[in-house]
N, C-alpha and C. Protein backbone atom coordinates (compact mmCIF):
# COMPACT_ATOMS: atom_id res chain seq x y z
N MET A 1 0.81 -1.19 -0.02
CA MET A 1 0.02 0.04 0.06
C MET A 1 0.91 1.26 -0.01
N LYS A 2 2.09 1.17 0.75
CA LYS A 2 2.78 2.37 0.80
C LYS A 2 3.37 2.66 -0.60
N TYR A 3 3.63 1.60 -1.44
CA TYR A 3 4.19 1.89 -2.79
C TYR A 3 3.11 2.56 -3.64
N LEU A 4 1.89 2.35 -3.40
CA LEU A 4 0.82 2.93 -4.13
C LEU A 4 0.83 4.47 -3.85
N TYR A 5 0.95 4.75 -2.55
CA TYR A 5 1.01 6.24 -2.07
C TYR A 5 2.21 6.90 -2.76
N LEU A 6 3.41 6.13 -2.83
CA LEU A 6 4.57 6.76 -3.35
C LEU A 6 4.35 7.01 -4.92
N ALA A 7 3.80 6.04 -5.58
CA ALA A 7 3.50 6.14 -7.03
C ALA A 7 2.54 7.44 -7.28
N VAL A 8 1.54 7.52 -6.48
CA VAL A 8 0.67 8.60 -6.64
C VAL A 8 1.32 9.93 -6.49
N LEU A 9 2.11 10.04 -5.37
CA LEU A 9 2.94 11.22 -5.08
C LEU A 9 3.88 11.63 -6.19
N LEU A 10 4.58 10.62 -6.82
CA LEU A 10 5.51 10.84 -7.84
C LEU A 10 4.74 11.34 -9.07
N CYS A 11 3.60 10.73 -9.36
CA CYS A 11 2.80 11.17 -10.56
C CYS A 11 2.29 12.62 -10.37
N CYS A 12 2.06 13.03 -9.16
CA CYS A 12 1.57 14.43 -8.82
C CYS A 12 2.63 15.39 -8.99
N LEU A 13 3.92 14.99 -8.67
CA LEU A 13 5.12 15.91 -8.70
C LEU A 13 5.58 16.02 -10.10
N LEU A 14 5.39 15.10 -10.99
CA LEU A 14 5.92 15.08 -12.37
C LEU A 14 5.58 16.38 -13.11
N PRO A 15 4.35 16.79 -13.12
CA PRO A 15 4.03 18.07 -13.82
C PRO A 15 4.81 19.34 -13.25
N LEU A 16 5.28 19.22 -12.13
CA LEU A 16 5.93 20.43 -11.49
C LEU A 16 7.40 20.48 -11.89
N SER A 17 7.80 19.41 -12.60
CA SER A 17 9.22 19.49 -13.06
C SER A 17 9.27 20.17 -14.42
N ASN A 18 9.96 21.27 -14.49
CA ASN A 18 9.90 22.08 -15.67
C ASN A 18 11.37 22.22 -16.31
N ALA A 19 12.38 21.51 -15.96
CA ALA A 19 13.67 21.62 -16.48
C ALA A 19 13.61 20.98 -17.91
N HIS A 20 14.22 21.59 -18.80
CA HIS A 20 14.29 21.05 -20.16
C HIS A 20 15.55 20.41 -20.39
N CYS A 21 15.60 19.18 -20.28
CA CYS A 21 16.87 18.29 -20.35
C CYS A 21 16.59 17.12 -21.25
N PHE A 22 17.63 16.56 -21.92
CA PHE A 22 17.49 15.29 -22.55
C PHE A 22 18.93 14.56 -22.37
N VAL A 23 18.88 13.21 -22.66
CA VAL A 23 19.93 12.39 -22.49
C VAL A 23 20.53 11.93 -23.85
N MET A 24 21.81 11.93 -24.04
CA MET A 24 22.39 11.40 -25.24
C MET A 24 23.15 10.08 -24.88
N GLU A 25 23.16 9.16 -25.79
CA GLU A 25 23.87 7.85 -25.61
C GLU A 25 25.30 8.08 -25.96
N ILE A 26 26.16 7.56 -25.09
CA ILE A 26 27.61 7.55 -25.47
C ILE A 26 27.97 6.07 -25.73
N LYS A 27 28.50 5.81 -26.92
CA LYS A 27 28.92 4.43 -27.26
C LYS A 27 30.11 4.08 -26.47
N PRO A 28 30.19 2.81 -25.99
CA PRO A 28 31.42 2.38 -25.24
C PRO A 28 32.65 2.52 -26.04
N GLY A 29 33.64 3.16 -25.40
CA GLY A 29 34.94 3.34 -26.11
C GLY A 29 34.96 4.64 -26.95
N ALA A 30 33.94 5.34 -27.00
CA ALA A 30 33.85 6.58 -27.82
C ALA A 30 34.84 7.64 -27.25
N THR A 31 35.51 8.40 -28.04
CA THR A 31 36.36 9.49 -27.62
C THR A 31 35.70 10.85 -27.84
N HIS A 32 34.70 10.90 -28.68
CA HIS A 32 33.97 12.12 -29.10
C HIS A 32 32.41 11.81 -29.18
N CYS A 33 31.67 12.93 -29.04
CA CYS A 33 30.28 12.82 -29.24
C CYS A 33 29.83 14.08 -30.06
N GLN A 34 28.59 13.95 -30.69
CA GLN A 34 28.13 15.02 -31.63
C GLN A 34 26.95 15.62 -30.96
N ASP A 35 27.05 16.94 -31.02
CA ASP A 35 25.83 17.79 -30.54
C ASP A 35 24.78 17.67 -31.63
N ILE A 36 23.51 17.25 -31.16
CA ILE A 36 22.49 17.00 -32.13
C ILE A 36 21.90 18.24 -32.83
N ASP A 37 22.05 19.41 -32.25
CA ASP A 37 21.56 20.64 -32.85
C ASP A 37 22.51 21.32 -33.73
N ASP A 38 23.75 21.44 -33.27
CA ASP A 38 24.89 22.08 -34.06
C ASP A 38 25.66 21.14 -34.96
N GLN A 39 25.53 19.80 -34.75
CA GLN A 39 26.30 18.81 -35.45
C GLN A 39 27.73 18.92 -35.34
N THR A 40 28.16 19.58 -34.13
CA THR A 40 29.69 19.65 -33.86
C THR A 40 30.12 18.62 -33.03
N TRP A 41 31.37 18.23 -33.09
CA TRP A 41 31.94 17.20 -32.30
C TRP A 41 32.68 17.63 -31.08
N HIS A 42 32.54 16.90 -30.00
CA HIS A 42 33.22 17.32 -28.78
C HIS A 42 33.81 16.05 -28.07
N GLU A 43 34.90 16.39 -27.45
CA GLU A 43 35.59 15.29 -26.63
C GLU A 43 34.79 14.88 -25.53
N VAL A 44 34.79 13.54 -25.24
CA VAL A 44 34.15 13.00 -24.03
C VAL A 44 34.67 13.69 -22.83
N GLY A 45 33.86 14.12 -21.94
CA GLY A 45 34.39 14.85 -20.68
C GLY A 45 34.31 16.29 -20.80
N SER A 46 34.14 16.88 -22.00
CA SER A 46 34.07 18.22 -22.26
C SER A 46 32.62 18.75 -22.01
N LYS A 47 32.50 19.99 -21.87
CA LYS A 47 31.22 20.71 -21.66
C LYS A 47 31.15 21.93 -22.65
N TRP A 48 29.85 22.16 -23.14
CA TRP A 48 29.76 23.23 -24.12
C TRP A 48 28.37 23.80 -24.08
N ARG A 49 28.11 25.02 -24.60
CA ARG A 49 26.85 25.60 -24.83
C ARG A 49 26.62 25.66 -26.29
N ASN A 50 25.42 25.15 -26.77
CA ASN A 50 25.20 25.12 -28.16
C ASN A 50 24.37 26.26 -28.60
N SER A 51 24.06 26.39 -29.89
CA SER A 51 23.32 27.56 -30.43
C SER A 51 21.95 27.66 -29.98
N LYS A 52 21.33 26.57 -29.40
CA LYS A 52 19.89 26.60 -28.91
C LYS A 52 19.93 26.91 -27.41
N CYS A 53 21.07 27.48 -26.94
CA CYS A 53 21.13 27.82 -25.46
C CYS A 53 21.08 26.68 -24.55
N MET A 54 21.62 25.52 -24.91
CA MET A 54 21.62 24.35 -24.03
C MET A 54 23.05 24.10 -23.69
N ASP A 55 23.16 23.76 -22.29
CA ASP A 55 24.42 23.41 -21.71
C ASP A 55 24.53 21.93 -21.83
N CYS A 56 25.64 21.47 -22.45
CA CYS A 56 25.72 20.06 -22.78
C CYS A 56 27.03 19.49 -22.38
N ASP A 57 27.06 18.10 -22.21
CA ASP A 57 28.17 17.23 -22.17
C ASP A 57 27.80 16.08 -23.07
N CYS A 58 28.66 15.06 -23.08
CA CYS A 58 28.35 13.94 -23.93
C CYS A 58 27.27 13.09 -23.39
N GLY A 59 26.82 13.27 -22.12
CA GLY A 59 25.78 12.53 -21.62
C GLY A 59 24.34 13.08 -21.82
N GLY A 60 24.23 14.43 -22.18
CA GLY A 60 23.08 15.09 -22.49
C GLY A 60 23.15 16.61 -22.37
N CYS A 61 21.99 17.23 -22.49
CA CYS A 61 21.95 18.74 -22.56
C CYS A 61 20.78 19.15 -21.62
N CYS A 62 21.00 20.31 -21.09
CA CYS A 62 19.78 21.04 -20.22
C CYS A 62 19.77 22.44 -20.69
N SER A 63 18.62 23.02 -20.62
CA SER A 63 18.40 24.46 -20.93
C SER A 63 19.29 25.29 -20.05
N ALA A 64 19.96 26.28 -20.62
CA ALA A 64 20.90 27.14 -19.97
C ALA A 64 20.22 28.38 -19.39
N TYR A 65 18.88 28.44 -19.35
CA TYR A 65 18.21 29.71 -18.89
C TYR A 65 16.96 29.20 -18.17
N ALA A 66 16.41 30.23 -17.41
CA ALA A 66 15.07 30.06 -16.68
C ALA A 66 14.22 30.89 -17.43
N THR A 67 12.88 30.49 -17.56
CA THR A 67 11.83 31.30 -18.28
C THR A 67 10.99 31.98 -17.20
N PRO A 68 11.02 33.27 -17.18
CA PRO A 68 10.12 34.02 -16.18
C PRO A 68 8.69 33.68 -16.32
N GLN A 69 7.92 33.40 -15.23
CA GLN A 69 6.59 33.07 -15.26
C GLN A 69 5.75 34.12 -14.53
N ARG A 70 6.29 34.65 -13.50
CA ARG A 70 5.52 35.71 -12.72
C ARG A 70 6.29 36.96 -12.59
N PHE A 71 5.71 38.04 -13.13
CA PHE A 71 6.35 39.44 -13.07
C PHE A 71 5.23 40.39 -13.20
N PRO A 72 5.43 41.68 -12.87
CA PRO A 72 4.31 42.61 -12.93
C PRO A 72 3.68 42.72 -14.32
N ALA A 73 2.36 42.96 -14.34
CA ALA A 73 1.62 42.96 -15.63
C ALA A 73 2.01 44.07 -16.56
N ASP A 74 2.65 45.21 -16.07
CA ASP A 74 3.15 46.17 -16.91
C ASP A 74 4.52 45.99 -17.56
N CYS A 75 5.00 44.70 -17.40
CA CYS A 75 6.30 44.24 -17.93
C CYS A 75 6.25 43.22 -18.99
N VAL A 76 7.33 43.05 -19.65
CA VAL A 76 7.39 42.07 -20.72
C VAL A 76 8.65 41.34 -20.60
N SER A 77 8.71 40.03 -20.94
CA SER A 77 9.95 39.30 -20.98
C SER A 77 10.44 39.19 -22.45
N VAL A 78 11.65 39.35 -22.70
CA VAL A 78 12.32 39.26 -24.01
C VAL A 78 13.49 38.34 -23.95
N PHE A 79 13.54 37.32 -24.81
CA PHE A 79 14.75 36.45 -24.75
C PHE A 79 15.83 36.94 -25.52
N ASP A 80 17.03 37.06 -24.84
CA ASP A 80 18.26 37.60 -25.43
C ASP A 80 19.07 36.29 -25.79
N SER A 81 19.06 35.86 -27.11
CA SER A 81 19.67 34.64 -27.62
C SER A 81 21.16 34.73 -27.60
N GLU A 82 21.74 35.98 -27.52
CA GLU A 82 23.27 36.03 -27.44
C GLU A 82 23.71 35.66 -26.01
N ALA A 83 23.03 36.13 -25.06
CA ALA A 83 23.33 35.88 -23.61
C ALA A 83 22.66 34.65 -23.01
N CYS A 84 21.78 34.08 -23.74
CA CYS A 84 20.83 32.98 -23.28
C CYS A 84 20.17 33.28 -22.04
N VAL A 85 19.48 34.39 -21.88
CA VAL A 85 18.79 34.88 -20.78
C VAL A 85 17.54 35.63 -21.18
N TYR A 86 16.52 35.54 -20.26
CA TYR A 86 15.36 36.48 -20.51
C TYR A 86 15.59 37.69 -19.83
N ARG A 87 15.25 38.83 -20.41
CA ARG A 87 15.31 40.15 -19.82
C ARG A 87 13.84 40.61 -19.56
N VAL A 88 13.46 41.04 -18.40
CA VAL A 88 12.13 41.48 -18.08
C VAL A 88 12.18 42.94 -17.82
N HIS A 89 11.44 43.72 -18.60
CA HIS A 89 11.53 45.21 -18.45
C HIS A 89 10.11 45.79 -18.67
N LYS A 90 9.96 47.02 -18.32
CA LYS A 90 8.65 47.80 -18.43
C LYS A 90 8.34 47.78 -19.94
N ARG A 91 6.97 47.60 -20.25
CA ARG A 91 6.55 47.54 -21.69
C ARG A 91 6.91 48.94 -22.43
N ASP A 92 6.69 50.00 -21.66
CA ASP A 92 6.89 51.34 -22.35
C ASP A 92 8.26 51.84 -22.20
N ASP A 93 9.16 51.23 -21.39
CA ASP A 93 10.49 51.71 -21.18
C ASP A 93 11.48 50.56 -21.00
N PRO A 94 12.11 50.13 -22.06
CA PRO A 94 13.05 48.87 -21.86
C PRO A 94 14.25 49.14 -21.09
N THR A 95 14.44 50.42 -20.58
CA THR A 95 15.61 50.69 -19.79
C THR A 95 15.37 50.33 -18.31
N VAL A 96 14.05 50.23 -17.91
CA VAL A 96 13.66 49.94 -16.57
C VAL A 96 13.42 48.33 -16.30
N GLN A 97 14.27 47.73 -15.53
CA GLN A 97 14.20 46.32 -15.24
C GLN A 97 12.91 46.04 -14.35
N CYS A 98 12.32 44.94 -14.41
CA CYS A 98 11.23 44.51 -13.59
C CYS A 98 11.63 43.40 -12.72
N PRO A 99 11.02 43.27 -11.51
CA PRO A 99 11.28 42.12 -10.72
C PRO A 99 10.66 40.86 -11.25
N ILE A 100 11.23 39.72 -10.98
CA ILE A 100 10.77 38.42 -11.43
C ILE A 100 10.39 37.63 -10.13
N TYR A 101 9.16 37.18 -10.05
CA TYR A 101 8.68 36.55 -8.70
C TYR A 101 8.69 35.05 -8.97
N GLY A 102 8.82 34.51 -10.12
CA GLY A 102 8.84 33.02 -10.33
C GLY A 102 9.34 32.72 -11.74
N ALA A 103 10.06 31.60 -11.85
CA ALA A 103 10.59 31.20 -13.13
C ALA A 103 10.69 29.64 -13.14
N VAL A 104 10.71 29.11 -14.34
CA VAL A 104 10.96 27.64 -14.48
C VAL A 104 12.00 27.37 -15.34
N GLY A 105 12.66 26.29 -15.11
CA GLY A 105 13.89 25.82 -15.92
C GLY A 105 15.13 25.95 -15.08
N LYS A 106 16.25 25.69 -15.76
CA LYS A 106 17.60 25.72 -15.31
C LYS A 106 17.64 25.19 -13.88
């Protein structure tokens, strides 16, 4: 019965997981792996950030940024693909930063 409770608990927590990650297979004896987005080759044990703003190693990749979910209504979030970060600022004045109260990812 306790396993049933554990299974229900885990099923309820699954939707709260918002990290964007995936696993890549490393073939036994491989010395390099290929980034699936950029098609670039990397040495096993190295880490890199690809063009899709994913932090990777040969075992997989995870998003390198958090996505703002809660911020003041008079603000807007804009993704900066060069820095791999969301910037949240006033709609009518991009020079004024806004507070972020909640985010998902990373």
